[in-house]
Each structure stands twice: as C-alpha cells, then as structure tokens.
Protein backbone atom coordinates (compact mmCIF):
# COMPACT_ATOMS: atom_id res chain seq x y z
CA MET A 1 -30.46 -32.26 5.74
CA ASN A 2 -29.24 -29.00 7.31
CA LYS A 3 -26.25 -30.78 8.84
CA LYS A 4 -25.35 -32.39 5.52
CA LEU A 5 -25.64 -29.04 3.73
CA LEU A 6 -23.52 -27.34 6.39
CA HIS A 7 -20.94 -30.12 6.18
CA PHE A 8 -20.77 -29.85 2.40
CA SER A 9 -20.55 -26.04 2.56
CA ARG A 10 -17.74 -26.28 5.07
CA LEU A 11 -15.74 -28.70 2.91
CA PHE A 12 -16.45 -26.85 -0.34
CA VAL A 13 -15.56 -23.39 0.95
CA GLY A 14 -12.57 -24.56 2.99
CA ILE A 15 -10.98 -26.53 0.16
CA LEU A 16 -11.69 -23.82 -2.42
CA PHE A 17 -10.19 -21.10 -0.22
CA ILE A 18 -7.05 -23.16 0.36
CA PHE A 19 -6.75 -23.96 -3.34
CA SER A 20 -7.36 -20.35 -4.39
CA GLY A 21 -4.80 -19.00 -1.93
CA LEU A 22 -2.27 -21.69 -2.80
CA ILE A 23 -2.51 -21.23 -6.56
CA LYS A 24 -2.08 -17.45 -6.25
CA ALA A 25 0.73 -17.81 -3.71
CA ASN A 26 2.52 -19.94 -6.29
CA ASP A 27 2.98 -16.68 -8.23
CA PRO A 28 2.65 -13.75 -5.80
CA LEU A 29 4.40 -11.34 -8.15
CA GLY A 30 1.81 -12.09 -10.84
CA PHE A 31 -0.99 -11.56 -8.33
CA GLY A 32 0.73 -8.35 -7.30
CA TYR A 33 0.59 -7.14 -10.91
CA LYS A 34 -3.15 -7.87 -10.87
CA LEU A 35 -3.59 -5.86 -7.66
CA GLN A 36 -1.80 -2.95 -9.32
CA GLU A 37 -4.46 -3.03 -12.05
CA TYR A 38 -7.13 -2.63 -9.38
CA PHE A 39 -5.13 0.12 -7.68
CA GLU A 40 -5.07 1.98 -10.99
CA VAL A 41 -8.82 1.55 -11.47
CA PHE A 42 -9.54 2.96 -8.00
CA HIS A 43 -6.85 5.66 -8.30
CA CYS A 44 -4.71 4.16 -5.54
CA THR A 45 -1.46 3.85 -7.47
CA PHE A 46 0.45 5.06 -4.40
CA LEU A 47 -0.08 1.49 -3.14
CA ASN A 48 1.76 -0.09 -6.08
CA ASP A 49 4.97 -0.57 -4.10
CA TYR A 50 3.03 -2.61 -1.54
CA ALA A 51 1.22 -4.80 -4.08
CA VAL A 52 3.42 -7.89 -3.68
CA GLY A 53 3.29 -7.70 0.12
CA ALA A 54 -0.49 -7.35 -0.03
CA ALA A 55 -0.65 -10.27 -2.47
CA ILE A 56 1.29 -12.57 -0.14
CA LEU A 57 -0.82 -11.54 2.85
CA LEU A 58 -4.12 -12.03 0.98
CA CYS A 59 -3.06 -15.48 -0.25
CA SER A 60 -2.00 -16.44 3.27
CA LEU A 61 -5.29 -15.17 4.69
CA GLU A 62 -7.27 -17.28 2.22
CA MET A 63 -5.30 -20.42 3.04
CA VAL A 64 -5.46 -19.91 6.81
CA LEU A 65 -9.20 -19.16 6.79
CA GLY A 66 -9.84 -22.24 4.68
CA MET A 67 -7.75 -24.45 6.96
CA LEU A 68 -9.36 -23.15 10.16
CA LEU A 69 -12.83 -23.61 8.65
CA LEU A 70 -12.09 -27.25 7.87
CA LEU A 71 -10.80 -27.78 11.41
CA GLY A 72 -13.73 -25.90 12.95
CA PHE A 73 -11.56 -23.61 15.08
CA TRP A 74 -13.00 -20.26 16.24
CA ALA A 75 -16.08 -20.79 14.05
CA LYS A 76 -17.75 -17.45 14.78
CA LYS A 77 -14.67 -15.36 13.98
CA ILE A 78 -13.74 -17.42 10.95
CA SER A 79 -17.27 -17.23 9.50
CA TRP A 80 -17.18 -13.44 9.88
CA GLY A 81 -13.78 -13.32 8.18
CA LEU A 82 -15.01 -15.48 5.29
CA LEU A 83 -18.13 -13.37 4.83
CA LEU A 84 -16.27 -10.06 4.79
CA LEU A 85 -13.63 -11.40 2.42
CA ILE A 86 -16.10 -12.86 -0.08
CA LEU A 87 -18.17 -9.65 -0.01
CA PHE A 88 -15.01 -7.72 -0.86
CA PHE A 89 -14.08 -10.11 -3.69
CA THR A 90 -17.66 -10.14 -5.02
CA PHE A 91 -17.68 -6.35 -5.20
CA LEU A 92 -14.36 -6.33 -7.07
CA THR A 93 -15.39 -8.97 -9.61
CA PHE A 94 -18.76 -7.30 -10.22
CA TYR A 95 -17.09 -3.92 -10.68
CA SER A 96 -14.57 -5.46 -13.08
CA ALA A 97 -17.26 -7.22 -15.10
CA PHE A 98 -19.83 -4.42 -15.20
CA PHE A 99 -17.41 -1.59 -15.99
CA LYS A 100 -15.01 -3.79 -18.02
CA VAL A 101 -11.96 -2.41 -16.26
CA VAL A 102 -9.96 -5.57 -15.40
CA THR A 103 -10.22 -8.36 -17.95
CA SER A 104 -9.24 -11.15 -15.53
CA CYS A 105 -9.56 -11.05 -11.76
CA GLY A 106 -6.71 -13.49 -11.15
CA CYS A 107 -8.83 -15.51 -8.70
CA PHE A 108 -6.91 -18.67 -9.57
CA GLY A 109 -3.84 -16.98 -11.01
CA ASP A 110 -2.80 -18.00 -14.50
CA ALA A 111 -3.64 -21.63 -13.76
CA ILE A 112 -7.38 -21.20 -14.41
CA PRO A 113 -8.07 -17.92 -16.24
CA LEU A 114 -11.63 -16.67 -15.68
CA SER A 115 -13.50 -13.89 -17.40
CA PRO A 116 -14.88 -11.12 -15.15
CA TRP A 117 -18.42 -12.48 -15.32
CA GLN A 118 -17.22 -16.02 -14.63
CA SER A 119 -15.32 -14.71 -11.61
CA PHE A 120 -18.39 -12.85 -10.38
CA SER A 121 -20.55 -15.98 -10.81
CA LYS A 122 -18.00 -18.02 -8.90
CA ASP A 123 -18.05 -15.49 -6.05
CA LEU A 124 -21.87 -15.54 -5.93
CA VAL A 125 -21.80 -19.33 -5.51
CA LEU A 126 -19.18 -19.01 -2.79
CA LEU A 127 -21.21 -16.27 -1.11
CA LEU A 128 -24.23 -18.58 -1.00
CA PHE A 129 -22.31 -21.35 0.73
CA ILE A 130 -20.58 -18.91 3.09
CA LEU A 131 -23.98 -17.51 4.09
CA ILE A 132 -25.04 -21.05 4.99
CA ILE A 133 -21.93 -21.36 7.14
CA PHE A 134 -22.46 -17.93 8.66
CA THR A 135 -26.12 -18.49 9.61
CA GLN A 136 -25.33 -21.89 11.13
CA ARG A 137 -21.93 -21.04 12.59
CA ALA A 138 -23.05 -22.04 16.09
CA GLN A 139 -23.23 -25.65 14.89
CA LEU A 140 -19.60 -25.74 13.78
CA LYS A 141 -17.53 -27.69 16.26
CA PRO A 142 -13.73 -27.94 16.39
CA ILE A 143 -12.12 -31.28 15.63
CA PHE A 144 -10.46 -31.09 19.06
CA ASN A 145 -10.83 -28.62 21.91
CA SER A 146 -7.27 -28.20 23.15
CA VAL A 147 -6.60 -24.44 23.08
CA LYS A 148 -2.85 -25.03 23.02
CA ALA A 149 -3.09 -27.37 20.02
CA GLN A 150 -5.36 -24.93 18.20
CA ARG A 151 -2.88 -22.11 18.68
CA ILE A 152 0.02 -24.28 17.53
CA ILE A 153 -1.88 -25.24 14.38
CA LEU A 154 -2.82 -21.60 13.77
CA GLY A 155 0.79 -20.48 14.10
CA THR A 156 2.00 -23.31 11.88
CA SER A 157 -0.61 -22.51 9.22
CA ILE A 158 0.34 -18.83 9.19
CA PHE A 159 4.05 -19.66 9.04
CA LEU A 160 3.72 -22.18 6.21
CA SER A 161 1.38 -20.04 4.10
CA LEU A 162 3.59 -16.95 4.42
CA SER A 163 6.75 -18.98 3.82
CA PHE A 164 5.36 -20.47 0.64
CA GLY A 165 4.50 -17.06 -0.81
CA LEU A 166 7.89 -15.62 0.17
CA TYR A 167 9.70 -18.61 -1.31
CA THR A 168 7.96 -18.44 -4.69
CA TYR A 169 8.46 -14.69 -4.80
CA ASN A 170 12.20 -15.08 -4.27
CA TYR A 171 12.80 -18.26 -6.28
CA LEU A 172 10.13 -18.31 -9.05
CA PRO A 173 6.82 -20.23 -9.03
CA ILE A 174 6.90 -23.93 -8.18
CA ILE A 175 4.64 -24.61 -11.19
CA ASP A 176 4.93 -22.25 -14.15
CA PHE A 177 1.54 -21.68 -15.80
CA LEU A 178 2.79 -18.98 -18.15
CA PRO A 179 3.66 -19.51 -21.83
CA TYR A 180 7.36 -18.91 -21.17
CA LYS A 181 7.90 -21.99 -19.03
CA VAL A 182 10.95 -24.20 -19.45
CA GLY A 183 10.59 -26.52 -22.44
CA ASN A 184 8.24 -24.29 -24.42
CA ASN A 185 9.01 -23.34 -28.00
CA ILE A 186 8.45 -19.59 -28.29
CA PRO A 187 8.12 -19.36 -32.11
CA GLN A 188 5.55 -22.17 -32.14
CA LEU A 189 3.48 -20.46 -29.44
CA MET A 190 3.38 -17.30 -31.55
CA LYS A 191 1.78 -19.05 -34.52
CA MET A 192 -1.81 -20.04 -35.26
CA PRO A 193 -1.98 -23.84 -35.68
CA PRO A 194 -3.30 -25.10 -39.06
CA GLY A 195 -7.06 -25.50 -38.97
CA ALA A 196 -7.47 -23.60 -35.71
CA ALA A 197 -10.87 -21.99 -35.16
CA MET A 198 -11.02 -18.28 -35.92
CA ASP A 199 -13.00 -15.64 -34.05
CA ILE A 200 -16.62 -15.38 -35.23
CA TYR A 201 -18.14 -11.91 -35.38
CA GLU A 202 -21.66 -10.71 -36.16
CA THR A 203 -22.45 -7.33 -37.65
CA THR A 204 -25.84 -5.76 -36.95
CA TYR A 205 -27.39 -3.15 -39.23
CA VAL A 206 -30.11 -0.68 -38.28
CA LEU A 207 -32.38 0.03 -41.24
CA LYS A 208 -35.14 2.56 -41.79
CA ASN A 209 -37.97 2.41 -44.32
CA LYS A 210 -38.12 5.72 -46.14
CA LYS A 211 -41.86 5.46 -46.78
CA THR A 212 -43.23 4.10 -43.49
CA GLY A 213 -40.53 5.25 -41.10
CA GLU A 214 -40.24 1.70 -39.72
CA ASN A 215 -36.91 0.80 -38.09
CA LYS A 216 -35.52 -2.70 -37.72
CA LYS A 217 -32.28 -4.43 -36.85
CA MET A 218 -30.80 -7.12 -39.04
CA SER A 219 -27.69 -9.29 -38.79
CA ASP A 220 -25.16 -9.27 -41.63
CA GLN A 221 -26.29 -12.74 -42.72
CA GLU A 222 -29.94 -11.67 -42.89
CA TYR A 223 -28.89 -8.45 -44.61
CA LEU A 224 -27.19 -10.35 -47.42
CA LYS A 225 -29.67 -13.24 -47.59
CA THR A 226 -32.77 -11.06 -47.97
CA GLY A 227 -31.12 -8.69 -50.42
CA ILE A 228 -32.72 -5.78 -48.60
CA TRP A 229 -29.73 -3.65 -49.48
CA LYS A 230 -31.04 -3.66 -53.07
CA ASP A 231 -34.38 -2.17 -52.00
CA ASP A 232 -34.30 1.60 -52.44
CA ASP A 233 -37.05 1.96 -49.81
CA TRP A 234 -34.63 0.92 -47.06
CA GLU A 235 -31.57 2.78 -45.87
CA THR A 236 -29.00 2.02 -43.16
CA ILE A 237 -28.86 4.32 -40.13
CA GLY A 238 -25.57 5.04 -38.42
CA ASN A 239 -22.61 2.66 -38.44
CA PRO A 240 -23.08 -1.12 -38.27
CA GLU A 241 -22.31 -2.64 -34.86
CA THR A 242 -19.91 -5.58 -34.79
CA LYS A 243 -19.57 -7.91 -31.79
CA LEU A 244 -17.72 -11.12 -31.03
CA ILE A 245 -20.05 -14.13 -31.08
CA LYS A 246 -17.60 -16.96 -30.51
CA LYS A 247 -13.97 -16.78 -29.45
CA GLY A 248 -11.63 -18.78 -31.64
CA TYR A 249 -8.17 -20.13 -30.90
CA GLU A 250 -5.89 -17.62 -29.24
CA VAL A 251 -2.14 -17.89 -29.67
CA LYS A 252 -0.32 -18.27 -26.36
CA ILE A 253 2.23 -15.55 -27.12
CA LYS A 254 0.73 -12.68 -29.07
CA ASP A 255 2.39 -9.53 -27.78
CA LEU A 256 6.12 -10.22 -28.05
CA LYS A 257 8.10 -7.85 -30.23
CA ILE A 258 11.80 -7.34 -29.63
CA THR A 259 13.48 -4.31 -31.20
CA ASP A 260 16.84 -2.56 -31.05
CA SER A 261 17.41 1.08 -30.17
CA HIS A 262 16.35 2.12 -33.70
CA ASP A 263 13.08 0.17 -33.48
CA VAL A 264 14.29 -2.52 -35.91
CA ASP A 265 12.48 -5.81 -35.28
CA TYR A 266 14.85 -8.52 -34.03
CA THR A 267 12.23 -10.89 -32.61
CA SER A 268 12.81 -13.79 -35.01
CA GLU A 269 16.58 -13.44 -34.99
CA ILE A 270 16.74 -13.64 -31.22
CA ILE A 271 14.15 -16.28 -30.38
CA GLU A 272 15.02 -18.56 -33.31
CA HIS A 273 18.80 -18.40 -32.89
CA PRO A 274 20.08 -22.00 -33.27
CA TYR A 275 22.71 -21.68 -30.54
CA TYR A 276 22.56 -20.81 -26.86
CA THR A 277 21.54 -17.28 -25.96
CA LEU A 278 21.47 -15.89 -22.45
CA ALA A 279 18.59 -13.45 -22.16
CA ILE A 280 18.74 -11.20 -19.10
CA VAL A 281 15.22 -9.88 -18.52
CA ALA A 282 15.11 -6.62 -16.58
CA TYR A 283 11.80 -5.04 -17.48
CA ASP A 284 12.43 -1.99 -15.29
CA LEU A 285 16.04 -0.89 -14.87
CA HIS A 286 15.02 1.65 -12.24
CA LYS A 287 13.92 -1.16 -9.93
CA THR A 288 16.30 -3.92 -10.94
CA ASN A 289 18.88 -5.52 -8.66
CA VAL A 290 22.09 -3.81 -9.74
CA GLN A 291 24.40 -6.28 -7.99
CA ALA A 292 22.69 -9.19 -9.73
CA LEU A 293 23.23 -7.49 -13.10
CA ALA A 294 26.89 -6.96 -12.25
CA ASN A 295 27.26 -10.68 -11.51
CA LEU A 296 25.47 -11.55 -14.74
CA ASN A 297 27.76 -9.20 -16.61
CA VAL A 298 30.79 -11.17 -15.40
CA LEU A 299 29.07 -14.41 -16.36
CA ALA A 300 28.33 -13.02 -19.83
CA VAL A 301 31.98 -12.15 -20.42
CA SER A 302 33.13 -15.68 -19.50
CA ALA A 303 30.44 -17.28 -21.67
CA ALA A 304 31.37 -15.11 -24.67
CA GLU A 305 35.12 -15.71 -24.32
CA ASN A 306 35.01 -19.48 -23.86
CA TYR A 307 31.95 -20.60 -25.83
CA THR A 308 30.92 -17.64 -28.00
CA ILE A 309 27.61 -17.50 -26.15
CA ARG A 310 25.66 -14.34 -26.88
CA THR A 311 24.14 -12.49 -23.94
CA ILE A 312 21.41 -9.91 -24.42
CA MET A 313 19.36 -7.79 -22.06
CA LEU A 314 15.64 -7.28 -22.60
CA THR A 315 14.03 -4.25 -21.03
CA SER A 316 11.06 -1.93 -21.37
CA THR A 317 13.03 1.03 -20.05
CA SER A 318 13.48 3.83 -22.60
CA VAL A 319 16.44 3.70 -24.99
CA GLU A 320 18.05 6.79 -23.49
CA GLN A 321 17.79 5.57 -19.91
CA ALA A 322 18.87 2.02 -20.78
CA THR A 323 21.90 3.32 -22.66
CA ALA A 324 22.89 5.54 -19.75
CA PHE A 325 22.38 2.65 -17.33
CA SER A 326 24.53 0.35 -19.47
CA LYS A 327 27.37 2.86 -19.62
CA ALA A 328 27.20 3.63 -15.91
CA HIS A 329 27.42 -0.06 -14.99
CA ARG A 330 29.68 -1.08 -17.88
CA LEU A 331 27.36 -3.78 -19.14
CA LEU A 332 28.91 -5.92 -21.87
CA MET A 333 25.71 -7.17 -23.46
CA ASP A 334 23.48 -6.03 -26.30
CA ILE A 335 20.31 -4.28 -25.19
CA PHE A 336 16.97 -4.92 -26.84
CA TYR A 337 13.54 -3.55 -26.06
CA ALA A 338 10.08 -5.04 -25.57
CA ASP A 339 6.83 -4.16 -23.87
CA SER A 340 6.79 -4.72 -20.11
CA VAL A 341 3.80 -7.12 -20.24
CA PRO A 342 5.56 -10.00 -22.05
CA LEU A 343 8.78 -9.32 -20.14
CA LYS A 344 6.94 -9.70 -16.83
CA SER A 345 5.52 -12.98 -18.10
CA MET A 346 8.88 -14.32 -19.23
CA VAL A 347 10.30 -14.54 -15.75
CA ARG A 348 8.95 -13.32 -12.41
CA ALA A 349 12.13 -11.50 -11.44
CA ASN A 350 13.89 -8.23 -12.17
CA PRO A 351 16.37 -9.29 -13.38
CA GLY A 352 15.63 -12.85 -14.38
CA ILE A 353 17.56 -15.16 -16.67
CA LEU A 354 16.36 -17.20 -19.66
CA LEU A 355 18.57 -19.64 -21.53
CA LEU A 356 17.32 -19.99 -25.11
CA LYS A 357 18.31 -22.35 -27.89
CA ASP A 358 16.60 -22.71 -31.26
CA GLY A 359 13.46 -21.04 -29.95
CA ILE A 360 13.17 -23.30 -26.90
CA ILE A 361 13.42 -22.08 -23.31
CA VAL A 362 16.11 -24.40 -21.93
CA GLY A 363 16.40 -22.84 -18.49
CA LYS A 364 14.95 -20.09 -16.33
CA TRP A 365 16.23 -18.60 -13.08
CA HIS A 366 15.54 -15.89 -10.55
CA TYR A 367 18.53 -13.71 -9.74
CA HIS A 368 18.45 -15.12 -6.22
CA ASN A 369 19.37 -18.59 -7.47
CA MET A 370 21.06 -17.83 -10.77
CA PRO A 371 23.61 -20.44 -11.85
CA THR A 372 27.33 -19.78 -11.94
CA TYR A 373 29.29 -19.78 -15.17
CA ASN A 374 30.77 -23.20 -14.32
CA GLU A 375 27.31 -24.65 -13.70
CA LEU A 376 26.03 -23.35 -17.04
CA ALA A 377 29.13 -24.52 -18.87
CA SER A 378 28.92 -27.99 -17.37
CA ALA A 379 25.17 -28.44 -17.85
CA TYR A 380 24.75 -26.74 -21.24
CA PHE A 381 27.58 -24.99 -23.04
CA SER A 382 30.07 -27.87 -23.08
CA LYS A 383 27.37 -30.12 -24.58
CA ASN A 384 26.48 -27.73 -27.38
C-alpha cells in the first residue's frame, strides 16, 4: 500500500508541477504582473523590474522539479526542493486568502482562475502528497543510473523550460487564455447575455427589542416575511450588512473604457468600427520599444495612404506625457487612453499590435514579430 501511495504521489505531484509551470510559462509576462502584486503587498516594489525574469525562472524550476521527480533523479535533493517550494507557495496563498490582498494567485495562469481559498486548498493537498514523497524519499529510485545520462536530461530540461518561457515572452503566448484573443468579438464580451444569472446578495439586519433588550440577526427575506419592521418594539442597530451569496455571470471584458485627451468616451466608436483599424497598444510609453513604434509609424502612414486604414495608439500614460512623446517621435496616429489593466490583457507586449474589424480581433502581434505593411495588405487590406 505504501509503495502504491508513493507511486501515485510521485505521478500526481510531478505531472501537476510540470503542468503548473508550463501553463504559467505560456504567459510569463502575465505571471510577472502577478508577482508585482505580491511585491507591492510585501513592500518590495524595487523588485518589479525583475518580475518577468523571476517568473520565467520559477516556471522553469517547477517544470524541472516535476520532470526530475517523475524520473526519480536525485530524489533526496528534489524532495527537499519540492517541500520548500510548496511551503513557500502555501504561505503566499494563505496570506492572500486570509488578508484578501491578491484576488487570484495565478497558480495556473489565466487558464484556470482560482480564488485565494481554492489556491490555498490546492496547495494543502499538494503539501500532503509532497510530505509523503519527502518521508519516503529513500524509496525513490531513478529510472536509470547512468550519471552522464541524468546530467544530459537535466541540462536538456533546464534548456527547454527556459527557452519556452523566453519564447512566449518575446513572441506572445502559444495559447491565449485572455478575452482579447484572436477571433473574439469585443463588444459581445462586454455585454451581459440575455437570461444570464445575476449576483445574489443577502442583507443581514441586527435588531434590538426596546423592552427586553434582546438582540437578534435577521436576513432581509426574514425581515420582510415576518413584518417585524412594523413592530414598534423592535429597532435596527447600525447599518445592515450585505454580502455576496452566489456569484452570477461575469462579463469577460468589464473594465475597458477608451477616451480621448478630453476624457470623451470613444470605446464604441473604436471597437465597433466596421473597417480595419490598427490599434498599437503601448500601455507605458516610458518603457515601450521606441524603435518598434517608429517602424509601426511608417507602417501606419502606408496603410492610411493606400487603404485609408486608421491607426490609433492606446496607452495609459498621462495625456501630457503621451502628447510630448508623440511630438518628440513624430507619431502620425491618434492617441487614446485606457486603464493599464485592460491594455496589459489586450496584448502581452509594449508595444503590441491588434488588428480590429467590426469589433472582432482579426490579428495580434508582438513587436518582435510584427507584420510588414506588404504582409498586412496582402492578407487583409486588399481583401477588405
């Protein structure tokens, strides 16, 4: 029985660690944003510039530990590494849940969103199985004993895991789990579908009997059903407490608002435009790739001259700074403003490119692999 339990624990933990590392490495920039939330909570914002690097290393560590566990290599060291890592993650998820400081731990990226308490529960289960592995680590045997082969596999695992994270960071996620993926209709994702379940709330009243001094709590339904509010002997104490009982349908895109420099709302006009629009997303102009913007500027001029394609830039940088930046770099595109959160979700690049038509995201590119004007004209504009 112990051997079967150890075998199951080994498979369960190894596969889950590989999956967890792989799914986060698919979007290391997104995981980096999550790490920055933790840095802010623990007052370590000086580490923000290293968040993406830390994200790629953590993802690689998870994948390598999971792989080595499955292969049984260096069992004592690997079991120690797994134990220390899960204790660290368990502390973070508990802290997030108990103090309500980070609403989602990002354990499985945006692929499988978990609440803080769900994340903590998941880590407790993992901790249990890792403790089984740790206490019985002497029984773990490598699949083969060749030291040379083990080192080659270790090196290959490290190389592949790091390469995957670096690739997705530089060329966008392989699988896009965010609401702004290619093919999605932005206006539709901003609306509540007909008949969708709404949030259900419950209000609790605290009442006091003026004659007896008795206190009791009562839900809003009981409050109305009993008609106690008509009884002059009872009075409410303090303010009623309202809490969410059941979460209803949540629109996929709920925080997108695009404005001009005078704070006029242009969201509908831009995302529902019936013709092609090139949207250059540069959420932070202080950290954007200036050369990439210069190349996109040239592309925008050609698109406007030959096909009357409108090019806009979306940023969360202040109006004054964005205007100065535009003049300094002679950008020939209209600038609009939005919060950094939706802009970071639109495309994991700074700048990144979205091609929109009639509310649909037709294409999306990182500035490292942005298409040329001829490629866009051939694939899209000439077929408009």
